[in-house]
C-alpha atoms as a PDB file:
ATOM      1  CA  MET A   1      -0.085  -0.143  -0.135  1.00  0.00           C
ATOM      2  CA  ASP A   2       1.315   3.100  -0.781  1.00  0.00           C
ATOM      3  CA  TYR A   3      -1.024   5.453   1.371  1.00  0.00           C
ATOM      4  CA  LEU A   4      -4.328   5.442   3.182  1.00  0.00           C
ATOM      5  CA  VAL A   5      -6.774   7.786   3.608  1.00  0.00           C
ATOM      6  CA  THR A   6     -10.058   7.892   5.826  1.00  0.00           C
ATOM      7  CA  LYS A   7     -12.940  10.313   6.275  1.00  0.00           C
ATOM      8  CA  SER A   8     -15.814   9.730   8.651  1.00  0.00           C
ATOM      9  CA  LEU A   9     -19.193  11.532   9.025  1.00  0.00           C
ATOM     10  CA  PRO A  10     -21.697  11.431  11.002  1.00  0.00           C
ATOM     11  CA  ASN A  11     -23.337   8.026   8.638  1.00  0.00           C
ATOM     12  CA  ALA A  12     -20.669   7.015   6.244  1.00  0.00           C
ATOM     13  CA  SER A  13     -17.359   6.189   6.726  1.00  0.00           C
ATOM     14  CA  VAL A  14     -14.983   6.441   3.412  1.00  0.00           C
ATOM     15  CA  ILE A  15     -11.511   4.049   3.396  1.00  0.00           C
ATOM     16  CA  ILE A  16      -9.381   5.322   0.845  1.00  0.00           C
ATOM     17  CA  ALA A  17      -6.089   2.691   0.166  1.00  0.00           C
ATOM     18  CA  ASN A  18      -3.850   4.150  -2.440  1.00  0.00           C
ATOM     19  CA  LEU A  19      -1.990   0.787  -3.608  1.00  0.00           C
ATOM     20  CA  LYS A  20       1.721   0.842  -5.070  1.00  0.00           C
ATOM     21  CA  TYR A  21       1.983   0.399  -8.847  1.00  0.00           C
ATOM     22  CA  GLU A  22       2.065  -3.535  -9.983  1.00  0.00           C
ATOM     23  CA  THR A  23       0.234  -4.493  -6.900  1.00  0.00           C
ATOM     24  CA  ASP A  24      -2.805  -7.271  -7.820  1.00  0.00           C
ATOM     25  CA  LEU A  25      -5.642  -5.588  -7.560  1.00  0.00           C
ATOM     26  CA  ASP A  26      -7.677  -8.642  -7.389  1.00  0.00           C
ATOM     27  CA  LYS A  27      -5.789 -10.469  -5.200  1.00  0.00           C
ATOM     28  CA  THR A  28      -5.771  -7.453  -2.858  1.00  0.00           C
ATOM     29  CA  MET A  29      -9.254  -7.473  -2.948  1.00  0.00           C
ATOM     30  CA  GLN A  30      -9.865 -10.859  -2.031  1.00  0.00           C
ATOM     31  CA  ASP A  31      -7.587 -10.317   1.260  1.00  0.00           C
ATOM     32  CA  ALA A  32      -9.362  -6.925   1.820  1.00  0.00           C
ATOM     33  CA  GLN A  33     -12.750  -8.511   1.946  1.00  0.00           C
ATOM     34  CA  ARG A  34     -11.857 -11.168   3.791  1.00  0.00           C
ATOM     35  CA  TYR A  35     -10.456  -9.549   6.875  1.00  0.00           C
ATOM     36  CA  ILE A  36     -13.755  -7.360   6.774  1.00  0.00           C
ATOM     37  CA  ASP A  37     -15.846 -10.411   6.783  1.00  0.00           C
ATOM     38  CA  ASN A  38     -13.458 -11.269   9.892  1.00  0.00           C
ATOM     39  CA  ILE A  39     -14.695  -8.141  11.821  1.00  0.00           C
ATOM     40  CA  ARG A  40     -17.802  -8.162  10.153  1.00  0.00           C
ATOM     41  CA  LYS A  41     -19.150  -9.336  13.810  1.00  0.00           C
ATOM     42  CA  ASP A  42     -17.484  -6.566  15.421  1.00  0.00           C
ATOM     43  CA  LEU A  43     -18.937  -3.784  13.828  1.00  0.00           C
ATOM     44  CA  PRO A  44     -22.531  -2.542  14.682  1.00  0.00           C
ATOM     45  CA  GLN A  45     -25.371  -4.716  13.634  1.00  0.00           C
ATOM     46  CA  ASP A  46     -27.144  -1.915  12.034  1.00  0.00           C
ATOM     47  CA  ILE A  47     -25.235  -0.922   9.611  1.00  0.00           C
ATOM     48  CA  LEU A  48     -24.803  -1.792   6.508  1.00  0.00           C
ATOM     49  CA  SER A  49     -22.202  -4.454   4.559  1.00  0.00           C
ATOM     50  CA  PRO A  50     -19.564  -2.590   3.382  1.00  0.00           C
ATOM     51  CA  VAL A  51     -19.196  -1.914   0.326  1.00  0.00           C
ATOM     52  CA  MET A  52     -15.138  -2.254  -2.098  1.00  0.00           C
ATOM     53  CA  SER A  53     -14.482  -1.124  -5.241  1.00  0.00           C
ATOM     54  CA  LYS A  54     -11.721  -0.389  -7.661  1.00  0.00           C
ATOM     55  CA  VAL A  55     -11.311   2.962  -8.571  1.00  0.00           C
ATOM     56  CA  SER A  56      -9.064   4.846 -11.273  1.00  0.00           C
ATOM     57  CA  PRO A  57      -7.519   8.108 -10.981  1.00  0.00           C
ATOM     58  CA  ASN A  58      -9.545   9.101 -14.054  1.00  0.00           C
ATOM     59  CA  ASP A  59     -12.663   8.055 -12.194  1.00  0.00           C
ATOM     60  CA  LEU A  60     -12.264  10.817  -8.965  1.00  0.00           C
ATOM     61  CA  PRO A  61     -14.746  13.309  -8.663  1.00  0.00           C
ATOM     62  CA  ILE A  62     -13.201  16.668  -9.789  1.00  0.00           C
ATOM     63  CA  MET A  63     -15.514  18.255  -7.316  1.00  0.00           C
ATOM     64  CA  SER A  64     -16.770  17.444  -3.625  1.00  0.00           C
ATOM     65  CA  ILE A  65     -19.725  19.988  -2.555  1.00  0.00           C
ATOM     66  CA  SER A  66     -20.218  19.697   1.524  1.00  0.00           C
ATOM     67  CA  ALA A  67     -23.330  21.697   2.228  1.00  0.00           C
ATOM     68  CA  THR A  68     -24.680  22.189   5.992  1.00  0.00           C
ATOM     69  CA  SER A  69     -27.993  23.574   7.431  1.00  0.00           C
ATOM     70  CA  ASN A  70     -30.294  24.801   9.983  1.00  0.00           C
ATOM     71  CA  LEU A  71     -32.921  22.484   8.769  1.00  0.00           C
ATOM     72  CA  SER A  72     -32.904  19.078  10.985  1.00  0.00           C
ATOM     73  CA  ALA A  73     -30.932  16.023   8.877  1.00  0.00           C
ATOM     74  CA  ILE A  74     -33.705  14.431   7.818  1.00  0.00           C
ATOM     75  CA  GLU A  75     -35.111  17.289   5.849  1.00  0.00           C
ATOM     76  CA  PHE A  76     -31.916  18.809   4.562  1.00  0.00           C
ATOM     77  CA  TYR A  77     -31.465  15.083   3.416  1.00  0.00           C
ATOM     78  CA  GLN A  78     -34.287  14.916   1.825  1.00  0.00           C
ATOM     79  CA  LYS A  79     -34.201  18.708   0.318  1.00  0.00           C
ATOM     80  CA  MET A  80     -30.594  18.317  -1.335  1.00  0.00           C
ATOM     81  CA  LYS A  81     -32.128  14.935  -3.185  1.00  0.00           C
ATOM     82  CA  ASP A  82     -35.054  16.103  -4.383  1.00  0.00           C
ATOM     83  CA  ASP A  83     -34.684  19.730  -5.022  1.00  0.00           C
ATOM     84  CA  TYR A  84     -30.803  20.512  -5.327  1.00  0.00           C
ATOM     85  CA  LEU A  85     -29.000  17.154  -6.657  1.00  0.00           C
ATOM     86  CA  PRO A  86     -31.557  17.352  -9.858  1.00  0.00           C
ATOM     87  CA  GLN A  87     -30.715  20.692 -10.769  1.00  0.00           C
ATOM     88  CA  ILE A  88     -26.780  19.945 -10.480  1.00  0.00           C
ATOM     89  CA  GLN A  89     -27.531  16.569 -12.665  1.00  0.00           C
ATOM     90  CA  GLN A  90     -28.524  18.113 -15.141  1.00  0.00           C
ATOM     91  CA  ILE A  91     -25.582  20.509 -15.479  1.00  0.00           C
ATOM     92  CA  LYS A  92     -23.408  19.667 -19.124  1.00  0.00           C
ATOM     93  CA  GLY A  93     -20.822  17.482 -18.346  1.00  0.00           C
ATOM     94  CA  VAL A  94     -21.925  16.094 -14.346  1.00  0.00           C
ATOM     95  CA  ALA A  95     -21.733  12.361 -15.095  1.00  0.00           C
ATOM     96  CA  GLU A  96     -22.859  11.262 -10.962  1.00  0.00           C
ATOM     97  CA  ILE A  97     -23.896  12.434  -7.958  1.00  0.00           C
ATOM     98  CA  THR A  98     -23.049  10.788  -4.666  1.00  0.00           C
ATOM     99  CA  ILE A  99     -24.525  11.568  -1.690  1.00  0.00           C
ATOM    100  CA  LEU A 100     -22.162  11.066   1.700  1.00  0.00           C
ATOM    101  CA  GLY A 101     -23.780  11.713   5.385  1.00  0.00           C
ATOM    102  CA  GLY A 102     -27.349  12.733   5.947  1.00  0.00           C
ATOM    103  CA  GLU A 103     -30.348  11.363   6.731  1.00  0.00           C
ATOM    104  CA  GLU A 104     -32.970   9.264   4.747  1.00  0.00           C
ATOM    105  CA  ARG A 105     -36.152   9.699   5.942  1.00  0.00           C
ATOM    106  CA  GLU A 106     -37.619   6.008   6.959  1.00  0.00           C
ATOM    107  CA  ILE A 107     -40.758   5.297   7.578  1.00  0.00           C
ATOM    108  CA  GLN A 108     -41.343   2.447  10.209  1.00  0.00           C
ATOM    109  CA  VAL A 109     -44.355   0.345   9.822  1.00  0.00           C
ATOM    110  CA  LYS A 110     -45.664  -1.508  13.378  1.00  0.00           C
ATOM    111  CA  VAL A 111     -47.629  -4.170  12.739  1.00  0.00           C
ATOM    112  CA  ASN A 112     -50.682  -5.459  15.380  1.00  0.00           C
ATOM    113  CA  GLN A 113     -50.044  -9.132  15.420  1.00  0.00           C
ATOM    114  CA  GLY A 114     -53.841  -9.284  16.905  1.00  0.00           C
ATOM    115  CA  LYS A 115     -55.586  -7.565  14.077  1.00  0.00           C
ATOM    116  CA  LEU A 116     -54.391  -9.253  11.271  1.00  0.00           C
ATOM    117  CA  LYS A 117     -55.408 -12.269  12.788  1.00  0.00           C
ATOM    118  CA  LEU A 118     -58.753 -10.830  13.258  1.00  0.00           C
ATOM    119  CA  TYR A 119     -58.648 -10.045   9.754  1.00  0.00           C
ATOM    120  CA  LYS A 120     -56.838 -13.010   8.294  1.00  0.00           C
ATOM    121  CA  ILE A 121     -54.354 -11.061   6.701  1.00  0.00           C
ATOM    122  CA  SER A 122     -50.421 -12.075   6.684  1.00  0.00           C
ATOM    123  CA  LEU A 123     -47.388 -10.350   7.545  1.00  0.00           C
ATOM    124  CA  TYR A 124     -46.767 -11.357   3.796  1.00  0.00           C
ATOM    125  CA  GLN A 125     -49.941  -9.645   2.396  1.00  0.00           C
ATOM    126  CA  VAL A 126     -48.978  -6.027   4.442  1.00  0.00           C
ATOM    127  CA  VAL A 127     -45.569  -5.945   3.151  1.00  0.00           C
ATOM    128  CA  GLU A 128     -46.701  -6.565  -0.371  1.00  0.00           C
ATOM    129  CA  ALA A 129     -49.548  -3.978  -0.281  1.00  0.00           C
ATOM    130  CA  ILE A 130     -47.029  -1.130   1.256  1.00  0.00           C
ATOM    131  CA  ASN A 131     -45.007  -2.528  -1.777  1.00  0.00           C
ATOM    132  CA  ARG A 132     -47.769  -1.477  -4.069  1.00  0.00           C
ATOM    133  CA  SER A 133     -48.490   1.773  -2.386  1.00  0.00           C
ATOM    134  CA  GLY A 134     -45.969   3.321  -4.415  1.00  0.00           C
ATOM    135  CA  LEU A 135     -47.582   2.710  -7.442  1.00  0.00           C
ATOM    136  CA  ASP A 136     -47.661   5.377 -10.348  1.00  0.00           C
ATOM    137  CA  LEU A 137     -48.287   3.983 -13.554  1.00  0.00           C
ATOM    138  CA  PRO A 138     -50.832   4.816 -16.939  1.00  0.00           C
ATOM    139  CA  ALA A 139     -53.593   2.928 -17.188  1.00  0.00           C
ATOM    140  CA  GLY A 140     -54.796   3.993 -20.426  1.00  0.00           C
ATOM    141  CA  LYS A 141     -57.103   5.999 -22.251  1.00  0.00           C
ATOM    142  CA  VAL A 142     -60.802   7.032 -21.637  1.00  0.00           C
ATOM    143  CA  GLN A 143     -62.059   8.833 -24.988  1.00  0.00           C
ATOM    144  CA  THR A 144     -65.785  10.885 -25.929  1.00  0.00           C
ATOM    145  CA  ASP A 145     -66.487  12.420 -28.883  1.00  0.00           C
ATOM    146  CA  LYS A 146     -64.364  15.617 -28.084  1.00  0.00           C
ATOM    147  CA  GLU A 147     -61.980  14.548 -25.697  1.00  0.00           C
ATOM    148  CA  SER A 148     -59.344  12.149 -25.169  1.00  0.00           C
ATOM    149  CA  ASN A 149     -57.448  11.831 -21.855  1.00  0.00           C
ATOM    150  CA  SER A 150     -54.920   9.681 -20.040  1.00  0.00           C
ATOM    151  CA  VAL A 151     -55.649   7.986 -17.240  1.00  0.00           C
ATOM    152  CA  ARG A 152     -53.172   7.148 -14.399  1.00  0.00           C
ATOM    153  CA  LEU A 153     -53.428   4.258 -11.339  1.00  0.00           C
ATOM    154  CA  VAL A 154     -51.576   6.271  -8.643  1.00  0.00           C
ATOM    155  CA  GLY A 155     -51.427   4.861  -5.307  1.00  0.00           C
ATOM    156  CA  LYS A 156     -49.092   6.780  -2.875  1.00  0.00           C
ATOM    157  CA  PHE A 157     -49.699   7.727   0.273  1.00  0.00           C
ATOM    158  CA  THR A 158     -50.520  11.530   0.789  1.00  0.00           C
ATOM    159  CA  ASN A 159     -50.522  11.448   4.611  1.00  0.00           C
ATOM    160  CA  LEU A 160     -49.153   8.923   7.524  1.00  0.00           C
ATOM    161  CA  GLY A 161     -51.669   8.111   9.977  1.00  0.00           C
ATOM    162  CA  ARG A 162     -53.157   4.785  12.407  1.00  0.00           C
ATOM    163  CA  TYR A 163     -54.938   1.943  10.503  1.00  0.00           C
END
C-alpha cells in the first residue's frame, strides 16, 4: 500500500487505499474482503455491509461539495435529494452525484398481530400492500367524441396515520 486516507461523517465512513503500481488488485481485494468478513461481527449490527470497489484515478471526482443547514438532518437530506441534486445533475458534464452523510427519511410500520389474525391477513400481504402503495402507472385512455384523456393509477401515500 502506498497510503491510506480515511474520512468519517455522521452516517458514513470512507477508506481509500492507494496501492503501489503493479499491485495485484484482485488478490488485494480478496484479502481485504476476507478481513472485512472476519471483523464484521465486531461492527454495529445496524450498519449496511461495507462496499469495496476499484477506482482508477480517472474515476475520482473532480469536485466535492459540502453543505450544511439549520434544517433537521432528515429534512436537509430530502431537500438535497429532491430539489438540489436534480438541478446539479442537469449541468453539462456532470456524470454522477453521490450523497455521503445525512439521514434519509424512514417510515416504520408497526404491525398489530391481533388485528392481522382478526382480519386473516398475513405479514407478507402487509409488505406487498406497502410495496404497491408507491405505484404511479399509466392505465390507458378515456375517450369521448370531443376529448381523449390519459388515465394514471396513482397509489402514493398522502399522509401517515394509524390504521
